[in-house]
Protein backbone atom coordinates (compact mmCIF):
# COMPACT_ATOMS: atom_id res chain seq x y z
CA MET A 1 25.79 -13.80 -75.55
CA ARG A 2 28.73 -12.39 -75.49
CA ARG A 3 29.91 -10.69 -71.61
CA ARG A 4 30.62 -7.24 -71.51
CA ALA A 5 34.34 -6.25 -71.26
CA GLY A 6 33.64 -3.13 -68.76
CA ASN A 7 31.83 -5.47 -66.23
CA ASN A 8 34.81 -8.22 -66.17
CA SER A 9 37.14 -5.63 -65.58
CA ALA A 10 35.36 -4.21 -62.88
CA LYS A 11 34.84 -8.05 -60.99
CA GLU A 12 38.58 -8.77 -61.66
CA LYS A 13 39.74 -5.46 -60.21
CA SER A 14 37.71 -5.96 -57.41
CA MET A 15 38.44 -9.93 -57.23
CA ASN A 16 42.39 -8.94 -57.34
CA GLY A 17 41.72 -6.13 -54.41
CA ARG A 18 40.46 -8.59 -52.33
CA ILE A 19 43.04 -11.02 -52.99
CA ALA A 20 45.96 -8.44 -52.22
CA ARG A 21 44.21 -7.43 -48.96
CA GLY A 22 44.13 -10.90 -47.80
CA LEU A 23 47.49 -11.38 -48.93
CA ALA A 24 48.64 -8.31 -46.97
CA LEU A 25 46.42 -9.69 -43.62
CA ALA A 26 48.28 -13.22 -43.94
CA VAL A 27 51.52 -11.75 -44.41
CA ALA A 28 50.89 -9.26 -41.27
CA THR A 29 49.83 -11.83 -39.21
CA ALA A 30 52.81 -14.62 -40.03
CA ALA A 31 55.17 -11.47 -39.18
CA LEU A 32 52.93 -10.96 -36.01
CA CYS A 33 53.07 -14.94 -34.92
CA GLY A 34 56.97 -15.18 -36.29
CA GLY A 35 57.86 -12.54 -33.84
CA ALA A 36 55.84 -13.81 -30.99
CA GLN A 37 57.35 -17.17 -31.48
CA ALA A 38 60.67 -15.95 -31.80
CA GLN A 39 60.16 -14.30 -28.60
CA ASP A 40 58.92 -17.45 -26.74
CA LYS A 41 61.93 -19.75 -28.20
CA TRP A 42 64.59 -17.01 -26.77
CA PRO A 43 67.32 -18.22 -26.69
CA SER A 44 67.84 -20.48 -29.50
CA ARG A 45 71.49 -19.81 -29.97
CA PRO A 46 74.35 -18.62 -27.41
CA VAL A 47 74.16 -15.42 -25.94
CA ARG A 48 76.85 -12.56 -25.73
CA LEU A 49 77.56 -11.14 -22.33
CA ILE A 50 79.68 -8.02 -22.57
CA SER A 51 81.93 -7.52 -19.61
CA THR A 52 83.37 -3.68 -19.35
CA SER A 53 86.12 -5.07 -17.38
CA VAL A 54 89.67 -6.64 -18.22
CA ALA A 55 89.74 -10.54 -17.46
CA GLY A 56 90.41 -10.61 -13.94
CA GLY A 57 88.57 -7.48 -12.65
CA ASN A 58 85.63 -7.30 -10.18
CA ILE A 59 83.06 -7.07 -12.91
CA ASP A 60 84.69 -10.01 -15.30
CA VAL A 61 84.33 -12.52 -12.24
CA MET A 62 81.07 -10.92 -11.42
CA CYS A 63 79.87 -11.85 -15.28
CA ARG A 64 81.76 -15.41 -15.33
CA ILE A 65 80.10 -16.71 -12.02
CA ILE A 66 76.34 -15.58 -13.39
CA ALA A 67 77.44 -16.68 -17.10
CA GLU A 68 77.96 -20.17 -15.87
CA LYS A 69 74.62 -20.66 -14.21
CA LEU A 70 72.68 -18.26 -16.46
CA SER A 71 73.68 -20.72 -19.04
CA LEU A 72 71.99 -23.66 -17.38
CA ARG A 73 68.96 -22.00 -16.85
CA LEU A 74 68.59 -20.78 -20.50
CA GLY A 75 69.52 -23.85 -22.08
CA GLN A 76 72.32 -21.72 -24.36
CA PRO A 77 75.72 -21.03 -23.47
CA VAL A 78 76.13 -17.35 -22.24
CA LEU A 79 79.57 -16.26 -23.53
CA VAL A 80 81.70 -13.38 -21.50
CA ASP A 81 83.18 -11.01 -23.99
CA ASN A 82 85.86 -8.84 -22.47
CA ARG A 83 85.30 -4.82 -23.76
CA PRO A 84 87.45 -2.61 -21.47
CA GLY A 85 88.89 0.51 -22.32
CA ALA A 86 87.84 4.32 -21.91
CA ALA A 87 86.50 4.02 -18.22
CA THR A 88 83.82 1.26 -19.64
CA VAL A 89 82.83 3.31 -22.87
CA LEU A 90 83.87 0.88 -25.45
CA GLY A 91 82.18 -1.91 -24.31
CA THR A 92 78.87 0.11 -23.16
CA ALA A 93 78.55 1.84 -26.83
CA GLU A 94 78.97 -1.77 -28.25
CA ALA A 95 75.95 -3.08 -26.46
CA ALA A 96 74.00 -0.10 -27.06
CA LYS A 97 74.55 -0.70 -30.95
CA ALA A 98 73.84 -4.42 -30.97
CA PRO A 99 70.49 -5.65 -32.39
CA PRO A 100 67.80 -5.47 -29.70
CA ASP A 101 67.19 -9.54 -30.26
CA GLY A 102 67.92 -10.81 -26.78
CA TYR A 103 70.92 -12.14 -27.84
CA THR A 104 73.44 -9.79 -26.40
CA PHE A 105 73.22 -7.68 -23.05
CA LEU A 106 75.73 -6.16 -20.79
CA ILE A 107 76.50 -6.01 -17.20
CA THR A 108 78.47 -3.09 -16.34
CA ILE A 109 79.39 -0.54 -13.24
CA MET A 110 77.56 2.73 -12.69
CA SER A 111 80.21 5.12 -14.17
CA SER A 112 78.90 3.73 -17.50
CA MET A 113 75.38 5.21 -16.91
CA VAL A 114 75.90 8.08 -14.62
CA GLY A 115 79.72 9.53 -14.99
CA ASN A 116 80.56 9.49 -18.44
CA ARG A 117 77.37 11.13 -19.79
CA VAL A 118 78.46 14.23 -17.33
CA LEU A 119 82.24 13.95 -18.38
CA ARG A 120 81.92 13.35 -21.98
CA ALA A 121 80.44 15.64 -24.37
CA ASN A 122 80.51 13.03 -27.19
CA LEU A 123 79.62 9.83 -25.45
CA PRO A 124 78.53 7.50 -28.12
CA TYR A 125 75.07 5.94 -26.43
CA ASP A 126 72.44 7.80 -24.14
CA PRO A 127 72.34 5.95 -20.62
CA VAL A 128 68.76 6.52 -20.48
CA LYS A 129 67.49 6.00 -24.04
CA ASP A 130 69.86 3.28 -25.70
CA PHE A 131 69.28 0.73 -22.87
CA GLU A 132 66.56 -1.62 -21.38
CA PRO A 133 67.52 -1.87 -17.47
CA VAL A 134 67.14 -5.61 -16.75
CA THR A 135 68.19 -6.01 -13.11
CA GLN A 136 70.87 -4.62 -10.44
CA ILE A 137 73.07 -7.25 -9.75
CA SER A 138 74.82 -5.83 -6.68
CA THR A 139 75.96 -3.11 -4.46
CA GLY A 140 79.44 -3.36 -3.80
CA ASN A 141 82.19 -1.54 -1.45
CA VAL A 142 85.96 -0.66 -2.57
CA LEU A 143 89.04 -0.01 -0.31
CA LEU A 144 91.92 2.37 -0.49
CA VAL A 145 95.30 0.31 -0.36
CA GLY A 146 99.12 1.30 0.22
CA PRO A 147 102.15 -0.70 0.14
CA ALA A 148 102.94 -3.29 2.72
CA GLY A 149 105.87 -1.38 3.97
CA ALA A 150 104.25 1.98 3.86
CA PRO A 151 104.97 4.36 6.76
CA TYR A 152 101.73 4.45 7.75
CA ARG A 153 99.31 1.78 9.48
CA ASP A 154 95.76 3.61 9.16
CA LEU A 155 93.94 6.00 7.39
CA LYS A 156 94.54 8.63 9.54
CA GLY A 157 98.44 8.23 9.43
CA PHE A 158 98.20 8.05 5.98
CA VAL A 159 96.38 11.43 5.46
CA GLU A 160 98.97 13.20 7.98
CA TRP A 161 101.76 11.46 5.87
CA ALA A 162 100.08 12.53 2.44
CA LYS A 163 99.99 16.34 3.72
CA LYS A 164 103.80 16.26 4.50
CA LEU A 165 105.14 14.28 1.36
CA GLY A 166 105.82 17.55 -0.52
CA ARG A 167 104.46 16.44 -3.51
CA PRO A 168 100.80 15.05 -4.71
CA VAL A 169 100.06 11.26 -3.99
CA SER A 170 99.50 9.14 -7.09
CA TYR A 171 96.21 7.08 -6.66
CA GLY A 172 94.87 4.61 -9.16
CA SER A 173 91.10 3.73 -10.13
CA ILE A 174 89.71 1.76 -12.78
CA GLY A 175 89.31 5.08 -15.01
CA VAL A 176 88.18 8.79 -15.00
CA GLY A 177 84.54 9.55 -13.56
CA THR A 178 84.26 6.02 -12.13
CA SER A 179 83.39 5.99 -8.58
CA LEU A 180 86.60 4.95 -7.51
CA HIS A 181 87.95 8.09 -9.07
CA LEU A 182 85.44 10.43 -7.34
CA PHE A 183 86.29 8.53 -3.76
CA GLY A 184 89.77 10.05 -4.36
CA VAL A 185 88.13 13.55 -5.17
CA ILE A 186 86.23 13.45 -1.97
CA LEU A 187 89.47 12.65 -0.09
CA GLU A 188 91.37 15.62 -1.99
CA LYS A 189 88.36 18.22 -1.66
CA GLU A 190 87.20 17.28 1.58
CA TYR A 191 89.90 17.00 3.60
CA GLY A 192 92.83 18.42 1.72
CA VAL A 193 95.10 15.34 0.91
CA PRO A 194 97.21 16.17 -2.33
CA LEU A 195 96.46 13.82 -5.02
CA ASN A 196 96.96 12.80 -8.68
CA HIS A 197 94.65 10.78 -10.35
CA VAL A 198 96.29 7.71 -12.33
CA PRO A 199 93.56 6.22 -14.45
CA TYR A 200 94.22 2.06 -15.33
CA LYS A 201 92.14 -0.08 -17.48
CA GLY A 202 91.74 -2.57 -14.37
CA GLU A 203 92.41 -2.60 -10.63
CA VAL A 204 95.12 -5.77 -11.03
CA GLN A 205 97.44 -3.29 -12.62
CA ALA A 206 96.92 -0.83 -10.50
CA THR A 207 97.34 -3.17 -7.42
CA THR A 208 100.45 -4.46 -9.02
CA ASP A 209 101.83 -0.98 -9.17
CA VAL A 210 101.20 -0.27 -5.83
CA MET A 211 103.01 -3.14 -4.37
CA ASN A 212 105.92 -2.26 -6.88
CA GLY A 213 105.96 1.29 -5.77
CA THR A 214 105.45 2.82 -8.94
CA LEU A 215 101.96 3.77 -7.49
CA ASP A 216 101.30 5.44 -3.90
CA VAL A 217 98.03 3.79 -3.35
CA ALA A 218 94.95 2.59 -5.30
CA TRP A 219 91.02 2.22 -5.03
CA VAL A 220 90.31 -1.72 -5.30
CA SER A 221 87.62 -4.02 -4.82
CA ILE A 222 87.54 -6.78 -2.13
CA LEU A 223 88.05 -9.67 -4.61
CA ILE A 224 91.70 -8.13 -5.50
CA ALA A 225 92.80 -6.78 -1.89
CA LYS A 226 91.90 -9.04 0.56
CA PRO A 227 94.30 -12.08 -0.43
CA LEU A 228 96.88 -9.81 -1.28
CA ALA A 229 96.39 -7.80 2.44
CA SER A 230 95.89 -11.22 4.29
CA ALA A 231 99.41 -12.30 2.92
CA GLY A 232 100.78 -9.09 3.72
CA LYS A 233 101.77 -7.89 0.46
CA LEU A 234 99.27 -5.07 0.96
CA ARG A 235 98.07 -2.91 3.27
CA ALA A 236 94.14 -1.99 3.55
CA LEU A 237 93.42 1.24 5.08
CA ALA A 238 89.75 1.93 4.96
CA ILE A 239 86.54 0.54 3.07
CA THR A 240 83.60 2.68 1.85
CA GLY A 241 80.00 2.16 2.63
CA PRO A 242 77.90 2.73 5.22
CA LYS A 243 79.31 -0.17 7.61
CA ARG A 244 81.64 -2.54 7.71
CA PHE A 245 81.18 -5.51 4.99
CA VAL A 246 80.45 -8.75 6.18
CA ALA A 247 82.99 -10.39 3.99
CA TRP A 248 85.93 -8.21 5.84
CA PRO A 249 84.62 -7.49 9.41
CA GLU A 250 87.89 -6.23 10.51
CA LEU A 251 88.49 -3.36 8.25
CA SER A 252 86.72 -0.12 9.49
CA THR A 253 84.99 2.21 7.35
CA PHE A 254 86.04 5.98 6.33
CA ALA A 255 83.15 7.46 8.63
CA GLU A 256 84.54 5.08 11.68
CA GLN A 257 88.10 6.25 11.26
CA GLY A 258 86.81 10.13 11.32
CA PHE A 259 86.37 10.42 7.34
CA PRO A 260 82.81 10.64 6.67
CA GLY A 261 81.48 11.07 3.22
CA PHE A 262 82.25 7.85 1.49
CA GLU A 263 78.92 6.18 2.26
CA MET A 264 77.46 6.21 -1.40
CA PRO A 265 76.62 2.78 -2.85
CA VAL A 266 78.52 1.47 -5.71
CA TRP A 267 76.51 -0.65 -7.90
CA GLY A 268 76.48 -3.16 -10.99
CA GLY A 269 73.34 -3.74 -13.43
CA ALA A 270 72.61 -5.83 -16.44
CA TYR A 271 71.00 -3.86 -19.71
CA LEU A 272 69.62 -4.74 -23.11
CA PRO A 273 69.83 -2.64 -26.02
CA ALA A 274 66.85 -0.37 -26.10
CA GLY A 275 64.03 -1.72 -28.25
CA THR A 276 64.42 -5.43 -27.23
CA PRO A 277 60.91 -6.91 -26.85
CA LYS A 278 59.82 -6.75 -23.31
CA PRO A 279 58.96 -10.49 -22.98
CA ILE A 280 62.65 -11.11 -23.27
CA VAL A 281 63.88 -8.22 -20.85
CA GLU A 282 61.32 -9.69 -18.33
CA ARG A 283 62.63 -13.17 -18.94
CA LEU A 284 66.42 -12.33 -18.92
CA SER A 285 65.43 -10.28 -15.51
CA ARG A 286 63.97 -13.37 -14.14
CA GLU A 287 66.65 -15.54 -15.02
CA ILE A 288 69.58 -13.42 -13.59
CA VAL A 289 67.41 -12.94 -10.10
CA GLU A 290 67.09 -16.56 -9.60
CA VAL A 291 70.85 -16.66 -10.20
CA LEU A 292 71.60 -14.34 -7.64
CA ARG A 293 69.29 -16.17 -5.16
CA MET A 294 71.35 -19.64 -5.68
CA PRO A 295 73.20 -20.06 -2.21
CA GLU A 296 76.64 -20.82 -4.21
CA VAL A 297 76.43 -17.35 -6.48
CA SER A 298 75.58 -15.09 -3.43
CA GLU A 299 78.20 -16.71 -1.18
CA ARG A 300 80.77 -15.97 -4.06
CA LEU A 301 80.10 -12.49 -4.78
CA ILE A 302 79.84 -11.38 -1.12
CA ALA A 303 83.28 -13.25 -0.60
CA MET A 304 84.33 -10.59 -3.37
CA GLY A 305 82.62 -7.54 -1.93
CA GLN A 306 79.50 -7.55 -3.69
CA LEU A 307 76.29 -8.05 -2.14
CA PRO A 308 73.75 -9.43 -4.34
CA ILE A 309 70.47 -7.43 -5.21
CA GLY A 310 68.15 -8.75 -8.02
CA ASN A 311 65.44 -6.93 -9.09
CA THR A 312 62.40 -5.91 -11.35
CA PRO A 313 63.53 -3.71 -14.39
CA GLU A 314 61.30 -1.31 -13.35
CA GLU A 315 62.53 -1.25 -9.84
CA PHE A 316 66.18 -1.02 -11.54
CA ALA A 317 65.32 1.77 -13.36
CA GLU A 318 64.04 3.93 -10.42
CA ASN A 319 66.78 3.17 -8.54
CA TYR A 320 69.70 4.16 -10.94
CA ARG A 321 68.00 7.21 -12.24
CA ARG A 322 67.68 8.42 -9.05
CA ASP A 323 71.09 8.07 -8.42
CA PHE A 324 71.98 9.94 -11.29
CA PRO A 325 71.47 13.87 -9.63
CA ARG A 326 73.68 12.71 -6.50
CA TRP A 327 76.58 11.43 -8.51
CA GLU A 328 76.41 13.98 -11.50
CA ALA A 329 76.32 16.85 -8.74
CA LEU A 330 79.55 15.32 -7.21
CA ILE A 331 81.31 15.11 -10.63
CA LYS A 332 80.59 18.83 -11.31
CA ALA A 333 82.09 19.97 -8.06
CA SER A 334 85.04 17.70 -8.31
CA GLY A 335 86.03 19.66 -11.75
CA ALA A 336 86.89 16.06 -13.20
CA LYS A 337 87.62 16.23 -16.86
CA VAL A 338 88.40 13.61 -19.20
CA GLU A 339 92.17 13.09 -19.66
């Protein structure tokens, strides 16, 4: 007996539909499993660490200390890629646009996330929406330094000299809107010191210009300043922060010398591009925290003026977003502009 064509067609369509749905479910399941396996196997190739500092700068040295130990813990090379420029904007923007797969992360200073969004109307990244906070690396202190042969020996002497100079004192920092620039703004606004800001790509060049007389003073890190001051090539005037720093206990703070207002912390942190899977964010955070706990790492960071922190992504996000209003208010009050 001949089968009815209509019944056969209906059965075939039903069977094809079931097969199609089954294939779709299998593909979706495979994709989910593949994604989970990719996260479980992370990292399976070298990881890129973007530094917003020039080679030899404070952040660059910090990145290389961390990268060395992190490579051993991850079982893959962590390669430092220096991307300085535009007061950390260039490197930070590049990190924001990287694929969110855990193979590119950023270590930078607070101005990347706070100062630049106030100063730049067309900032090519959103500090909150474009990044996953990983961990706070450290808090640090910076110094105001002058030439070894300066006619003043301390901060009070510098302020008196500056007010009698007859021209604005030139001071260097690592860029417009950075905390180092804003400390200069405080000195000018609060204490009447006539200043002219000169932004640099890195603190090494600014320090060199102070020593050769091209620049009057500069804001720099302990890493750069201490060896030169100890060798008699530079004069350290005061250090920021609420108290003296353990790596340089002889150097008094601004507040101790009668100039309060320089107590706010300067921090550095690690970030991944927004959308990076949470297991990767948490794994990278845990591994960096373990690196920061290593005695040989913490000792080196402290020696360069950085107090290791190491916290969870959630704690770091809360801390740096809490700092936004304080620094933004200072920037707006200063009248600072991108130069």
